Amino acid sequence: MIRFGKGVLQILFFVLVSYGMNAWVGFMGWPVPGSILGLGFVFVLLQLKILPLNAVELGAKWLLAEMLLFFIPSAAGVVEYKPMLLSSGPQILLVVLTGTALVMGCAGLAAELIIRRKGRKMP
């Protein structure tokens, strides 16, 4: 039960960071999603050891494991745009496939670079 409560508090931390950064972006008028700034903010806190990893690890693992659930509403909402999909479907499909390929390629290259860098540092 303690583990559950700890996970809920960690998820609440991420929600508060997201809301806080969304408010900050709105206040500043920046054209950047607050969630992206929040991700960077948490990353900097972790890198500077201000925020220990074990303080957010359980909640982050749960959010990552359940990430697919967060996409269901947007996927279901596509049904409302049937006329647009019928008229512009091939172009939309091309953009989605190209974007997916680019993201997969960049993620693969980043993983390769990290593996090579860690390989050089290890004795």
PDB file of N, CA and C in Angstrom:
ATOM      1  N   MET A   1       0.818  -1.196   0.000  1.00  0.00           N
ATOM      2  CA  MET A   1       0.000   0.000   0.000  1.00  0.00           C
ATOM      3  C   MET A   1       0.866   1.266   0.000  1.00  0.00           C
ATOM      4  N   ILE A   2       1.989   1.212   0.688  1.00  0.00           N
ATOM      5  CA  ILE A   2       2.901   2.354   0.723  1.00  0.00           C
ATOM      6  C   ILE A   2       3.459   2.615  -0.673  1.00  0.00           C
ATOM      7  N   ARG A   3       3.777   1.540  -1.384  1.00  0.00           N
ATOM      8  CA  ARG A   3       4.312   1.666  -2.752  1.00  0.00           C
ATOM      9  C   ARG A   3       3.279   2.336  -3.664  1.00  0.00           C
ATOM     10  N   PHE A   4       2.011   1.967  -3.507  1.00  0.00           N
ATOM     11  CA  PHE A   4       0.943   2.568  -4.304  1.00  0.00           C
ATOM     12  C   PHE A   4       0.857   4.065  -4.025  1.00  0.00           C
ATOM     13  N   GLY A   5       0.866   4.429  -2.764  1.00  0.00           N
ATOM     14  CA  GLY A   5       0.797   5.842  -2.383  1.00  0.00           C
ATOM     15  C   GLY A   5       1.982   6.636  -2.904  1.00  0.00           C
ATOM     16  N   LYS A   6       3.156   6.029  -2.852  1.00  0.00           N
ATOM     17  CA  LYS A   6       4.357   6.677  -3.359  1.00  0.00           C
ATOM     18  C   LYS A   6       4.223   6.921  -4.867  1.00  0.00           C
ATOM     19  N   GLY A   7       3.707   5.913  -5.580  1.00  0.00           N
ATOM     20  CA  GLY A   7       3.514   6.052  -7.024  1.00  0.00           C
ATOM     21  C   GLY A   7       2.515   7.152  -7.355  1.00  0.00           C
ATOM     22  N   VAL A   8       1.427   7.220  -6.596  1.00  0.00           N
ATOM     23  CA  VAL A   8       0.408   8.252  -6.821  1.00  0.00           C
ATOM     24  C   VAL A   8       1.005   9.640  -6.592  1.00  0.00           C
ATOM     25  N   LEU A   9       1.798   9.796  -5.548  1.00  0.00           N
ATOM     26  CA  LEU A   9       2.428  11.092  -5.281  1.00  0.00           C
ATOM     27  C   LEU A   9       3.402  11.482  -6.383  1.00  0.00           C
ATOM     28  N   GLN A  10       4.127  10.504  -6.914  1.00  0.00           N
ATOM     29  CA  GLN A  10       5.067  10.795  -7.997  1.00  0.00           C
ATOM     30  C   GLN A  10       4.329  11.200  -9.266  1.00  0.00           C
ATOM     31  N   ILE A  11       3.216  10.531  -9.551  1.00  0.00           N
ATOM     32  CA  ILE A  11       2.413  10.907 -10.720  1.00  0.00           C
ATOM     33  C   ILE A  11       1.836  12.299 -10.513  1.00  0.00           C
ATOM     34  N   LEU A  12       1.390  12.591  -9.300  1.00  0.00           N
ATOM     35  CA  LEU A  12       0.884  13.922  -8.982  1.00  0.00           C
ATOM     36  C   LEU A  12       1.968  14.979  -9.206  1.00  0.00           C
ATOM     37  N   PHE A  13       3.205  14.654  -8.879  1.00  0.00           N
ATOM     38  CA  PHE A  13       4.324  15.568  -9.128  1.00  0.00           C
ATOM     39  C   PHE A  13       4.415  15.891 -10.620  1.00  0.00           C
ATOM     40  N   PHE A  14       4.335  14.861 -11.474  1.00  0.00           N
ATOM     41  CA  PHE A  14       4.419  15.096 -12.917  1.00  0.00           C
ATOM     42  C   PHE A  14       3.243  15.927 -13.421  1.00  0.00           C
ATOM     43  N   VAL A  15       2.065  15.685 -12.881  1.00  0.00           N
ATOM     44  CA  VAL A  15       0.877  16.461 -13.265  1.00  0.00           C
ATOM     45  C   VAL A  15       1.064  17.925 -12.864  1.00  0.00           C
ATOM     46  N   LEU A  16       1.557  18.157 -11.659  1.00  0.00           N
ATOM     47  CA  LEU A  16       1.769  19.527 -11.189  1.00  0.00           C
ATOM     48  C   LEU A  16       2.835  20.244 -12.013  1.00  0.00           C
ATOM     49  N   VAL A  17       3.907  19.533 -12.366  1.00  0.00           N
ATOM     50  CA  VAL A  17       4.938  20.136 -13.225  1.00  0.00           C
ATOM     51  C   VAL A  17       4.326  20.507 -14.572  1.00  0.00           C
ATOM     52  N   SER A  18       3.512  19.619 -15.125  1.00  0.00           N
ATOM     53  CA  SER A  18       2.878  19.895 -16.412  1.00  0.00           C
ATOM     54  C   SER A  18       1.964  21.115 -16.332  1.00  0.00           C
ATOM     55  N   TYR A  19       1.102  21.156 -15.319  1.00  0.00           N
ATOM     56  CA  TYR A  19       0.216  22.314 -15.155  1.00  0.00           C
ATOM     57  C   TYR A  19       1.019  23.596 -14.914  1.00  0.00           C
ATOM     58  N   GLY A  20       2.039  23.489 -14.099  1.00  0.00           N
ATOM     59  CA  GLY A  20       2.872  24.662 -13.817  1.00  0.00           C
ATOM     60  C   GLY A  20       3.562  25.196 -15.056  1.00  0.00           C
ATOM     61  N   MET A  21       4.103  24.301 -15.849  1.00  0.00           N
ATOM     62  CA  MET A  21       4.790  24.738 -17.068  1.00  0.00           C
ATOM     63  C   MET A  21       3.802  25.251 -18.112  1.00  0.00           C
ATOM     64  N   ASN A  22       2.611  24.659 -18.175  1.00  0.00           N
ATOM     65  CA  ASN A  22       1.584  25.185 -19.085  1.00  0.00           C
ATOM     66  C   ASN A  22       1.198  26.605 -18.680  1.00  0.00           C
ATOM     67  N   ALA A  23       1.072  26.846 -17.388  1.00  0.00           N
ATOM     68  CA  ALA A  23       0.760  28.195 -16.906  1.00  0.00           C
ATOM     69  C   ALA A  23       1.903  29.153 -17.230  1.00  0.00           C
ATOM     70  N   TRP A  24       3.130  28.704 -17.049  1.00  0.00           N
ATOM     71  CA  TRP A  24       4.307  29.538 -17.329  1.00  0.00           C
ATOM     72  C   TRP A  24       4.366  29.912 -18.808  1.00  0.00           C
ATOM     73  N   VAL A  25       4.134  28.919 -19.674  1.00  0.00           N
ATOM     74  CA  VAL A  25       4.156  29.160 -21.117  1.00  0.00           C
ATOM     75  C   VAL A  25       3.051  30.144 -21.501  1.00  0.00           C
ATOM     76  N   GLY A  26       1.869  29.971 -20.899  1.00  0.00           N
ATOM     77  CA  GLY A  26       0.773  30.899 -21.170  1.00  0.00           C
ATOM     78  C   GLY A  26       1.099  32.306 -20.707  1.00  0.00           C
ATOM     79  N   PHE A  27       1.720  32.414 -19.551  1.00  0.00           N
ATOM     80  CA  PHE A  27       2.107  33.723 -19.001  1.00  0.00           C
ATOM     81  C   PHE A  27       3.160  34.400 -19.873  1.00  0.00           C
ATOM     82  N   MET A  28       4.142  33.615 -20.323  1.00  0.00           N
ATOM     83  CA  MET A  28       5.238  34.164 -21.128  1.00  0.00           C
ATOM     84  C   MET A  28       4.854  34.341 -22.599  1.00  0.00           C
ATOM     85  N   GLY A  29       3.812  33.630 -23.042  1.00  0.00           N
ATOM     86  CA  GLY A  29       3.399  33.721 -24.437  1.00  0.00           C
ATOM     87  C   GLY A  29       4.319  32.977 -25.387  1.00  0.00           C
ATOM     88  N   TRP A  30       5.012  31.972 -24.890  1.00  0.00           N
ATOM     89  CA  TRP A  30       5.934  31.194 -25.728  1.00  0.00           C
ATOM     90  C   TRP A  30       5.172  30.189 -26.583  1.00  0.00           C
ATOM     91  N   PRO A  31       5.640  29.926 -27.785  1.00  0.00           N
ATOM     92  CA  PRO A  31       4.963  28.951 -28.663  1.00  0.00           C
ATOM     93  C   PRO A  31       5.478  27.523 -28.462  1.00  0.00           C
ATOM     94  N   VAL A  32       5.715  27.146 -27.226  1.00  0.00           N
ATOM     95  CA  VAL A  32       6.238  25.817 -26.898  1.00  0.00           C
ATOM     96  C   VAL A  32       5.259  25.151 -25.935  1.00  0.00           C
ATOM     97  N   PRO A  33       4.946  23.874 -26.140  1.00  0.00           N
ATOM     98  CA  PRO A  33       4.055  23.200 -25.186  1.00  0.00           C
ATOM     99  C   PRO A  33       4.672  23.162 -23.789  1.00  0.00           C
ATOM    100  N   GLY A  34       3.867  23.414 -22.797  1.00  0.00           N
ATOM    101  CA  GLY A  34       4.356  23.387 -21.423  1.00  0.00           C
ATOM    102  C   GLY A  34       4.852  22.022 -21.008  1.00  0.00           C
ATOM    103  N   SER A  35       4.269  20.971 -21.566  1.00  0.00           N
ATOM    104  CA  SER A  35       4.717  19.626 -21.207  1.00  0.00           C
ATOM    105  C   SER A  35       6.153  19.381 -21.661  1.00  0.00           C
ATOM    106  N   ILE A  36       6.545  19.975 -22.786  1.00  0.00           N
ATOM    107  CA  ILE A  36       7.926  19.829 -23.268  1.00  0.00           C
ATOM    108  C   ILE A  36       8.874  20.577 -22.334  1.00  0.00           C
ATOM    109  N   LEU A  37       8.502  21.762 -21.923  1.00  0.00           N
ATOM    110  CA  LEU A  37       9.337  22.486 -20.960  1.00  0.00           C
ATOM    111  C   LEU A  37       9.405  21.744 -19.631  1.00  0.00           C
ATOM    112  N   GLY A  38       8.286  21.149 -19.226  1.00  0.00           N
ATOM    113  CA  GLY A  38       8.267  20.368 -17.993  1.00  0.00           C
ATOM    114  C   GLY A  38       9.209  19.184 -18.063  1.00  0.00           C
ATOM    115  N   LEU A  39       9.228  18.523 -19.216  1.00  0.00           N
ATOM    116  CA  LEU A  39      10.146  17.404 -19.418  1.00  0.00           C
ATOM    117  C   LEU A  39      11.590  17.867 -19.281  1.00  0.00           C
ATOM    118  N   GLY A  40      11.896  18.998 -19.899  1.00  0.00           N
ATOM    119  CA  GLY A  40      13.246  19.553 -19.784  1.00  0.00           C
ATOM    120  C   GLY A  40      13.572  19.968 -18.359  1.00  0.00           C
ATOM    121  N   PHE A  41      12.593  20.538 -17.668  1.00  0.00           N
ATOM    122  CA  PHE A  41      12.776  20.967 -16.282  1.00  0.00           C
ATOM    123  C   PHE A  41      13.106  19.776 -15.382  1.00  0.00           C
ATOM    124  N   VAL A  42      12.336  18.701 -15.511  1.00  0.00           N
ATOM    125  CA  VAL A  42      12.583  17.498 -14.701  1.00  0.00           C
ATOM    126  C   VAL A  42      13.937  16.896 -15.065  1.00  0.00           C
ATOM    127  N   PHE A  43      14.271  16.899 -16.355  1.00  0.00           N
ATOM    128  CA  PHE A  43      15.567  16.379 -16.793  1.00  0.00           C
ATOM    129  C   PHE A  43      16.716  17.151 -16.144  1.00  0.00           C
ATOM    130  N   VAL A  44      16.616  18.472 -16.158  1.00  0.00           N
ATOM    131  CA  VAL A  44      17.670  19.300 -15.545  1.00  0.00           C
ATOM    132  C   VAL A  44      17.760  19.028 -14.048  1.00  0.00           C
ATOM    133  N   LEU A  45      16.617  18.923 -13.374  1.00  0.00           N
ATOM    134  CA  LEU A  45      16.631  18.618 -11.936  1.00  0.00           C
ATOM    135  C   LEU A  45      17.296  17.270 -11.662  1.00  0.00           C
ATOM    136  N   LEU A  46      17.022  16.292 -12.512  1.00  0.00           N
ATOM    137  CA  LEU A  46      17.647  14.971 -12.334  1.00  0.00           C
ATOM    138  C   LEU A  46      19.149  15.032 -12.606  1.00  0.00           C
ATOM    139  N   GLN A  47      19.555  15.743 -13.648  1.00  0.00           N
ATOM    140  CA  GLN A  47      20.965  15.831 -13.995  1.00  0.00           C
ATOM    141  C   GLN A  47      21.781  16.581 -12.938  1.00  0.00           C
ATOM    142  N   LEU A  48      21.184  17.594 -12.352  1.00  0.00           N
ATOM    143  CA  LEU A  48      21.876  18.365 -11.316  1.00  0.00           C
ATOM    144  C   LEU A  48      21.781  17.710  -9.939  1.00  0.00           C
ATOM    145  N   LYS A  49      21.118  16.557  -9.887  1.00  0.00           N
ATOM    146  CA  LYS A  49      20.953  15.791  -8.650  1.00  0.00           C
ATOM    147  C   LYS A  49      20.143  16.551  -7.597  1.00  0.00           C
ATOM    148  N   ILE A  50      19.367  17.533  -8.047  1.00  0.00           N
ATOM    149  CA  ILE A  50      18.455  18.229  -7.153  1.00  0.00           C
ATOM    150  C   ILE A  50      17.277  17.312  -6.841  1.00  0.00           C
ATOM    151  N   LEU A  51      16.857  16.590  -7.844  1.00  0.00           N
ATOM    152  CA  LEU A  51      15.764  15.627  -7.728  1.00  0.00           C
ATOM    153  C   LEU A  51      16.354  14.231  -7.885  1.00  0.00           C
ATOM    154  N   PRO A  52      16.345  13.424  -6.831  1.00  0.00           N
ATOM    155  CA  PRO A  52      16.885  12.073  -6.964  1.00  0.00           C
ATOM    156  C   PRO A  52      15.973  11.199  -7.828  1.00  0.00           C
ATOM    157  N   LEU A  53      16.576  10.290  -8.573  1.00  0.00           N
ATOM    158  CA  LEU A  53      15.828   9.429  -9.478  1.00  0.00           C
ATOM    159  C   LEU A  53      14.758   8.630  -8.753  1.00  0.00           C
ATOM    160  N   ASN A  54      15.072   8.126  -7.567  1.00  0.00           N
ATOM    161  CA  ASN A  54      14.084   7.307  -6.852  1.00  0.00           C
ATOM    162  C   ASN A  54      12.869   8.119  -6.406  1.00  0.00           C
ATOM    163  N   ALA A  55      12.947   9.461  -6.474  1.00  0.00           N
ATOM    164  CA  ALA A  55      11.810  10.300  -6.107  1.00  0.00           C
ATOM    165  C   ALA A  55      10.742  10.342  -7.190  1.00  0.00           C
ATOM    166  N   VAL A  56      11.084   9.931  -8.420  1.00  0.00           N
ATOM    167  CA  VAL A  56      10.109   9.970  -9.517  1.00  0.00           C
ATOM    168  C   VAL A  56      10.061   8.673 -10.323  1.00  0.00           C
ATOM    169  N   GLU A  57      10.940   7.736 -10.018  1.00  0.00           N
ATOM    170  CA  GLU A  57      11.093   6.542 -10.847  1.00  0.00           C
ATOM    171  C   GLU A  57       9.833   5.678 -10.918  1.00  0.00           C
ATOM    172  N   LEU A  58       9.202   5.420  -9.807  1.00  0.00           N
ATOM    173  CA  LEU A  58       8.026   4.552  -9.782  1.00  0.00           C
ATOM    174  C   LEU A  58       6.882   5.151 -10.604  1.00  0.00           C
ATOM    175  N   GLY A  59       6.602   6.428 -10.410  1.00  0.00           N
ATOM    176  CA  GLY A  59       5.544   7.091 -11.166  1.00  0.00           C
ATOM    177  C   GLY A  59       5.860   7.176 -12.647  1.00  0.00           C
ATOM    178  N   ALA A  60       7.133   7.450 -12.975  1.00  0.00           N
ATOM    179  CA  ALA A  60       7.531   7.540 -14.382  1.00  0.00           C
ATOM    180  C   ALA A  60       7.403   6.190 -15.076  1.00  0.00           C
ATOM    181  N   LYS A  61       7.788   5.131 -14.392  1.00  0.00           N
ATOM    182  CA  LYS A  61       7.660   3.796 -14.986  1.00  0.00           C
ATOM    183  C   LYS A  61       6.199   3.449 -15.243  1.00  0.00           C
ATOM    184  N   TRP A  62       5.318   3.799 -14.307  1.00  0.00           N
ATOM    185  CA  TRP A  62       3.905   3.497 -14.511  1.00  0.00           C
ATOM    186  C   TRP A  62       3.343   4.294 -15.686  1.00  0.00           C
ATOM    187  N   LEU A  63       3.687   5.594 -15.746  1.00  0.00           N
ATOM    188  CA  LEU A  63       3.194   6.423 -16.849  1.00  0.00           C
ATOM    189  C   LEU A  63       3.687   5.900 -18.196  1.00  0.00           C
ATOM    190  N   LEU A  64       4.934   5.488 -18.262  1.00  0.00           N
ATOM    191  CA  LEU A  64       5.465   4.932 -19.513  1.00  0.00           C
ATOM    192  C   LEU A  64       4.788   3.623 -19.877  1.00  0.00           C
ATOM    193  N   ALA A  65       4.538   2.788 -18.881  1.00  0.00           N
ATOM    194  CA  ALA A  65       3.905   1.493 -19.145  1.00  0.00           C
ATOM    195  C   ALA A  65       2.480   1.668 -19.646  1.00  0.00           C
ATOM    196  N   GLU A  66       1.791   2.696 -19.196  1.00  0.00           N
ATOM    197  CA  GLU A  66       0.392   2.916 -19.564  1.00  0.00           C
ATOM    198  C   GLU A  66       0.221   3.996 -20.627  1.00  0.00           C
ATOM    199  N   MET A  67       1.293   4.354 -21.301  1.00  0.00           N
ATOM    200  CA  MET A  67       1.255   5.451 -22.269  1.00  0.00           C
ATOM    201  C   MET A  67       0.221   5.232 -23.375  1.00  0.00           C
ATOM    202  N   LEU A  68       0.037   4.008 -23.805  1.00  0.00           N
ATOM    203  CA  LEU A  68      -0.912   3.727 -24.879  1.00  0.00           C
ATOM    204  C   LEU A  68      -2.315   4.209 -24.526  1.00  0.00           C
ATOM    205  N   LEU A  69      -2.684   4.128 -23.262  1.00  0.00           N
ATOM    206  CA  LEU A  69      -4.014   4.579 -22.845  1.00  0.00           C
ATOM    207  C   LEU A  69      -4.237   6.069 -23.102  1.00  0.00           C
ATOM    208  N   PHE A  70      -3.161   6.843 -23.076  1.00  0.00           N
ATOM    209  CA  PHE A  70      -3.289   8.281 -23.277  1.00  0.00           C
ATOM    210  C   PHE A  70      -3.561   8.636 -24.738  1.00  0.00           C
ATOM    211  N   PHE A  71      -3.321   7.698 -25.657  1.00  0.00           N
ATOM    212  CA  PHE A  71      -3.541   7.959 -27.074  1.00  0.00           C
ATOM    213  C   PHE A  71      -4.915   7.498 -27.548  1.00  0.00           C
ATOM    214  N   ILE A  72      -5.633   6.726 -26.762  1.00  0.00           N
ATOM    215  CA  ILE A  72      -6.943   6.212 -27.179  1.00  0.00           C
ATOM    216  C   ILE A  72      -7.933   7.336 -27.464  1.00  0.00           C
ATOM    217  N   PRO A  73      -8.068   8.362 -26.611  1.00  0.00           N
ATOM    218  CA  PRO A  73      -9.040   9.422 -26.930  1.00  0.00           C
ATOM    219  C   PRO A  73      -8.743  10.120 -28.252  1.00  0.00           C
ATOM    220  N   SER A  74      -7.494  10.411 -28.538  1.00  0.00           N
ATOM    221  CA  SER A  74      -7.180  11.089 -29.793  1.00  0.00           C
ATOM    222  C   SER A  74      -7.404  10.171 -30.986  1.00  0.00           C
ATOM    223  N   ALA A  75      -7.107   8.891 -30.832  1.00  0.00           N
ATOM    224  CA  ALA A  75      -7.344   7.944 -31.924  1.00  0.00           C
ATOM    225  C   ALA A  75      -8.843   7.782 -32.172  1.00  0.00           C
ATOM    226  N   ALA A  76      -9.630   7.759 -31.127  1.00  0.00           N
ATOM    227  CA  ALA A  76     -11.082   7.639 -31.276  1.00  0.00           C
ATOM    228  C   ALA A  76     -11.671   8.919 -31.863  1.00  0.00           C
ATOM    229  N   GLY A  77     -11.072  10.053 -31.569  1.00  0.00           N
ATOM    230  CA  GLY A  77     -11.552  11.327 -32.096  1.00  0.00           C
ATOM    231  C   GLY A  77     -11.379  11.471 -33.593  1.00  0.00           C
ATOM    232  N   VAL A  78     -10.483  10.700 -34.186  1.00  0.00           N
ATOM    233  CA  VAL A  78     -10.256  10.751 -35.628  1.00  0.00           C
ATOM    234  C   VAL A  78     -11.521  10.372 -36.391  1.00  0.00           C
ATOM    235  N   VAL A  79     -12.349   9.552 -35.801  1.00  0.00           N
ATOM    236  CA  VAL A  79     -13.585   9.100 -36.444  1.00  0.00           C
ATOM    237  C   VAL A  79     -14.477  10.294 -36.813  1.00  0.00           C
ATOM    238  N   GLU A  80     -14.401  11.367 -36.051  1.00  0.00           N
ATOM    239  CA  GLU A  80     -15.228  12.545 -36.313  1.00  0.00           C
ATOM    240  C   GLU A  80     -14.812  13.274 -37.592  1.00  0.00           C
ATOM    241  N   TYR A  81     -13.649  12.988 -38.120  1.00  0.00           N
ATOM    242  CA  TYR A  81     -13.129  13.698 -39.284  1.00  0.00           C
ATOM    243  C   TYR A  81     -13.152  12.834 -40.540  1.00  0.00           C
ATOM    244  N   LYS A  82     -14.174  12.030 -40.691  1.00  0.00           N
ATOM    245  CA  LYS A  82     -14.276  11.119 -41.828  1.00  0.00           C
ATOM    246  C   LYS A  82     -14.217  11.849 -43.174  1.00  0.00           C
ATOM    247  N   PRO A  83     -14.953  12.955 -43.377  1.00  0.00           N
ATOM    248  CA  PRO A  83     -14.861  13.638 -44.676  1.00  0.00           C
ATOM    249  C   PRO A  83     -13.438  14.102 -45.010  1.00  0.00           C
ATOM    250  N   MET A  84     -12.747  14.623 -44.005  1.00  0.00           N
ATOM    251  CA  MET A  84     -11.375  15.074 -44.246  1.00  0.00           C
ATOM    252  C   MET A  84     -10.469  13.883 -44.559  1.00  0.00           C
ATOM    253  N   LEU A  85     -10.661  12.773 -43.859  1.00  0.00           N
ATOM    254  CA  LEU A  85      -9.856  11.584 -44.122  1.00  0.00           C
ATOM    255  C   LEU A  85     -10.111  11.041 -45.518  1.00  0.00           C
ATOM    256  N   LEU A  86     -11.352  11.107 -45.974  1.00  0.00           N
ATOM    257  CA  LEU A  86     -11.672  10.625 -47.318  1.00  0.00           C
ATOM    258  C   LEU A  86     -11.062  11.510 -48.396  1.00  0.00           C
ATOM    259  N   SER A  87     -11.049  12.814 -48.165  1.00  0.00           N
ATOM    260  CA  SER A  87     -10.517  13.721 -49.191  1.00  0.00           C
ATOM    261  C   SER A  87      -8.994  13.855 -49.134  1.00  0.00           C
ATOM    262  N   SER A  88      -8.424  13.829 -47.937  1.00  0.00           N
ATOM    263  CA  SER A  88      -6.974  14.047 -47.785  1.00  0.00           C
ATOM    264  C   SER A  88      -6.266  12.852 -47.179  1.00  0.00           C
ATOM    265  N   GLY A  89      -6.887  11.708 -47.190  1.00  0.00           N
ATOM    266  CA  GLY A  89      -6.329  10.514 -46.558  1.00  0.00           C
ATOM    267  C   GLY A  89      -4.926  10.139 -46.999  1.00  0.00           C
ATOM    268  N   PRO A  90      -4.673  10.067 -48.335  1.00  0.00           N
ATOM    269  CA  PRO A  90      -3.317   9.688 -48.774  1.00  0.00           C
ATOM    270  C   PRO A  90      -2.236  10.667 -48.306  1.00  0.00           C
ATOM    271  N   GLN A  91      -2.541  11.967 -48.326  1.00  0.00           N
ATOM    272  CA  GLN A  91      -1.544  12.949 -47.878  1.00  0.00           C
ATOM    273  C   GLN A  91      -1.289  12.799 -46.368  1.00  0.00           C
ATOM    274  N   ILE A  92      -2.356  12.598 -45.622  1.00  0.00           N
ATOM    275  CA  ILE A  92      -2.216  12.421 -44.170  1.00  0.00           C
ATOM    276  C   ILE A  92      -1.411  11.167 -43.876  1.00  0.00           C
ATOM    277  N   LEU A  93      -1.705  10.090 -44.586  1.00  0.00           N
ATOM    278  CA  LEU A  93      -0.976   8.836 -44.397  1.00  0.00           C
ATOM    279  C   LEU A  93       0.504   9.014 -44.713  1.00  0.00           C
ATOM    280  N   LEU A  94       0.801   9.753 -45.787  1.00  0.00           N
ATOM    281  CA  LEU A  94       2.197  10.005 -46.153  1.00  0.00           C
ATOM    282  C   LEU A  94       2.926  10.777 -45.055  1.00  0.00           C
ATOM    283  N   VAL A  95       2.275  11.790 -44.500  1.00  0.00           N
ATOM    284  CA  VAL A  95       2.883  12.583 -43.422  1.00  0.00           C
ATOM    285  C   VAL A  95       3.114  11.719 -42.187  1.00  0.00           C
ATOM    286  N   VAL A  96       2.127  10.903 -41.831  1.00  0.00           N
ATOM    287  CA  VAL A  96       2.250  10.051 -40.646  1.00  0.00           C
ATOM    288  C   VAL A  96       3.376   9.035 -40.838  1.00  0.00           C
ATOM    289  N   LEU A  97       3.432   8.400 -41.996  1.00  0.00           N
ATOM    290  CA  LEU A  97       4.476   7.396 -42.242  1.00  0.00           C
ATOM    291  C   LEU A  97       5.862   8.026 -42.303  1.00  0.00           C
ATOM    292  N   THR A  98       5.968   9.191 -42.953  1.00  0.00           N
ATOM    293  CA  THR A  98       7.259   9.883 -43.022  1.00  0.00           C
ATOM    294  C   THR A  98       7.712  10.317 -41.631  1.00  0.00           C
ATOM    295  N   GLY A  99       6.795  10.879 -40.865  1.00  0.00           N
ATOM    296  CA  GLY A  99       7.131  11.300 -39.502  1.00  0.00           C
ATOM    297  C   GLY A  99       7.554  10.130 -38.636  1.00  0.00           C
ATOM    298  N   THR A 100       6.841   9.019 -38.762  1.00  0.00           N
ATOM    299  CA  THR A 100       7.186   7.828 -37.988  1.00  0.00           C
ATOM    300  C   THR A 100       8.576   7.322 -38.361  1.00  0.00           C
ATOM    301  N   ALA A 101       8.859   7.276 -39.662  1.00  0.00           N
ATOM    302  CA  ALA A 101      10.178   6.817 -40.116  1.00  0.00           C
ATOM    303  C   ALA A 101      11.289   7.739 -39.609  1.00  0.00           C
ATOM    304  N   LEU A 102      11.052   9.049 -39.660  1.00  0.00           N
ATOM    305  CA  LEU A 102      12.063   9.992 -39.171  1.00  0.00           C
ATOM    306  C   LEU A 102      12.306   9.843 -37.674  1.00  0.00           C
ATOM    307  N   VAL A 103      11.236   9.707 -36.920  1.00  0.00           N
ATOM    308  CA  VAL A 103      11.386   9.542 -35.462  1.00  0.00           C
ATOM    309  C   VAL A 103      12.124   8.240 -35.152  1.00  0.00           C
ATOM    310  N   MET A 104      11.748   7.153 -35.826  1.00  0.00           N
ATOM    311  CA  MET A 104      12.422   5.870 -35.591  1.00  0.00           C
ATOM    312  C   MET A 104      13.899   5.953 -35.968  1.00  0.00           C
ATOM    313  N   GLY A 105      14.191   6.603 -37.088  1.00  0.00           N
ATOM    314  CA  GLY A 105      15.583   6.742 -37.517  1.00  0.00           C
ATOM    315  C   GLY A 105      16.402   7.570 -36.546  1.00  0.00           C
ATOM    316  N   CYS A 106      15.851   8.696 -36.110  1.00  0.00           N
ATOM    317  CA  CYS A 106      16.569   9.558 -35.159  1.00  0.00           C
ATOM    318  C   CYS A 106      16.759   8.862 -33.816  1.00  0.00           C
ATOM    319  N   ALA A 107      15.753   8.138 -33.364  1.00  0.00           N
ATOM    320  CA  ALA A 107      15.877   7.406 -32.102  1.00  0.00           C
ATOM    321  C   ALA A 107      16.942   6.318 -32.225  1.00  0.00           C
ATOM    322  N   GLY A 108      16.978   5.642 -33.364  1.00  0.00           N
ATOM    323  CA  GLY A 108      17.995   4.614 -33.584  1.00  0.00           C
ATOM    324  C   GLY A 108      19.394   5.197 -33.613  1.00  0.00           C
ATOM    325  N   LEU A 109      19.552   6.329 -34.309  1.00  0.00           N
ATOM    326  CA  LEU A 109      20.867   6.986 -34.357  1.00  0.00           C
ATOM    327  C   LEU A 109      21.299   7.459 -32.967  1.00  0.00           C
ATOM    328  N   ALA A 110      20.367   8.017 -32.218  1.00  0.00           N
ATOM    329  CA  ALA A 110      20.689   8.468 -30.857  1.00  0.00           C
ATOM    330  C   ALA A 110      21.091   7.283 -29.990  1.00  0.00           C
ATOM    331  N   ALA A 111      20.387   6.161 -30.123  1.00  0.00           N
ATOM    332  CA  ALA A 111      20.735   4.967 -29.345  1.00  0.00           C
ATOM    333  C   ALA A 111      22.119   4.460 -29.731  1.00  0.00           C
ATOM    334  N   GLU A 112      22.415   4.458 -31.011  1.00  0.00           N
ATOM    335  CA  GLU A 112      23.743   4.028 -31.465  1.00  0.00           C
ATOM    336  C   GLU A 112      24.842   4.919 -30.893  1.00  0.00           C
ATOM    337  N   LEU A 113      24.628   6.222 -30.933  1.00  0.00           N
ATOM    338  CA  LEU A 113      25.619   7.152 -30.387  1.00  0.00           C
ATOM    339  C   LEU A 113      25.831   6.930 -28.893  1.00  0.00           C
ATOM    340  N   ILE A 114      24.759   6.704 -28.170  1.00  0.00           N
ATOM    341  CA  ILE A 114      24.865   6.463 -26.725  1.00  0.00           C
ATOM    342  C   ILE A 114      25.609   5.165 -26.467  1.00  0.00           C
ATOM    343  N   ILE A 115      25.297   4.130 -27.224  1.00  0.00           N
ATOM    344  CA  ILE A 115      25.973   2.842 -27.048  1.00  0.00           C
ATOM    345  C   ILE A 115      27.454   2.974 -27.346  1.00  0.00           C
ATOM    346  N   ARG A 116      27.786   3.676 -28.425  1.00  0.00           N
ATOM    347  CA  ARG A 116      29.212   3.868 -28.758  1.00  0.00           C
ATOM    348  C   ARG A 116      29.934   4.663 -27.687  1.00  0.00           C
ATOM    349  N   ARG A 117      29.290   5.721 -27.202  1.00  0.00           N
ATOM    350  CA  ARG A 117      29.916   6.565 -26.174  1.00  0.00           C
ATOM    351  C   ARG A 117      30.137   5.757 -24.896  1.00  0.00           C
ATOM    352  N   LYS A 118      29.150   4.978 -24.481  1.00  0.00           N
ATOM    353  CA  LYS A 118      29.307   4.173 -23.273  1.00  0.00           C
ATOM    354  C   LYS A 118      30.322   3.065 -23.489  1.00  0.00           C
ATOM    355  N   GLY A 119      30.391   2.540 -24.703  1.00  0.00           N
ATOM    356  CA  GLY A 119      31.361   1.487 -25.008  1.00  0.00           C
ATOM    357  C   GLY A 119      32.784   1.968 -24.869  1.00  0.00           C
ATOM    358  N   ARG A 120      33.034   3.219 -25.241  1.00  0.00           N
ATOM    359  CA  ARG A 120      34.389   3.786 -25.142  1.00  0.00           C
ATOM    360  C   ARG A 120      34.793   4.041 -23.697  1.00  0.00           C
ATOM    361  N   LYS A 121      33.824   4.401 -22.870  1.00  0.00           N
ATOM    362  CA  LYS A 121      34.134   4.742 -21.481  1.00  0.00           C
ATOM    363  C   LYS A 121      34.351   3.507 -20.605  1.00  0.00           C
ATOM    364  N   MET A 122      33.763   2.398 -20.997  1.00  0.00           N
ATOM    365  CA  MET A 122      33.881   1.202 -20.161  1.00  0.00           C
ATOM    366  C   MET A 122      35.234   0.546 -20.388  1.00  0.00           C
ATOM    367  N   PRO A 123      35.917   0.103 -19.298  1.00  0.00           N
ATOM    368  CA  PRO A 123      37.249  -0.520 -19.447  1.00  0.00           C
ATOM    369  C   PRO A 123      37.192  -1.902 -20.052  1.00  0.00           C
TER     370      PRO A 123
END
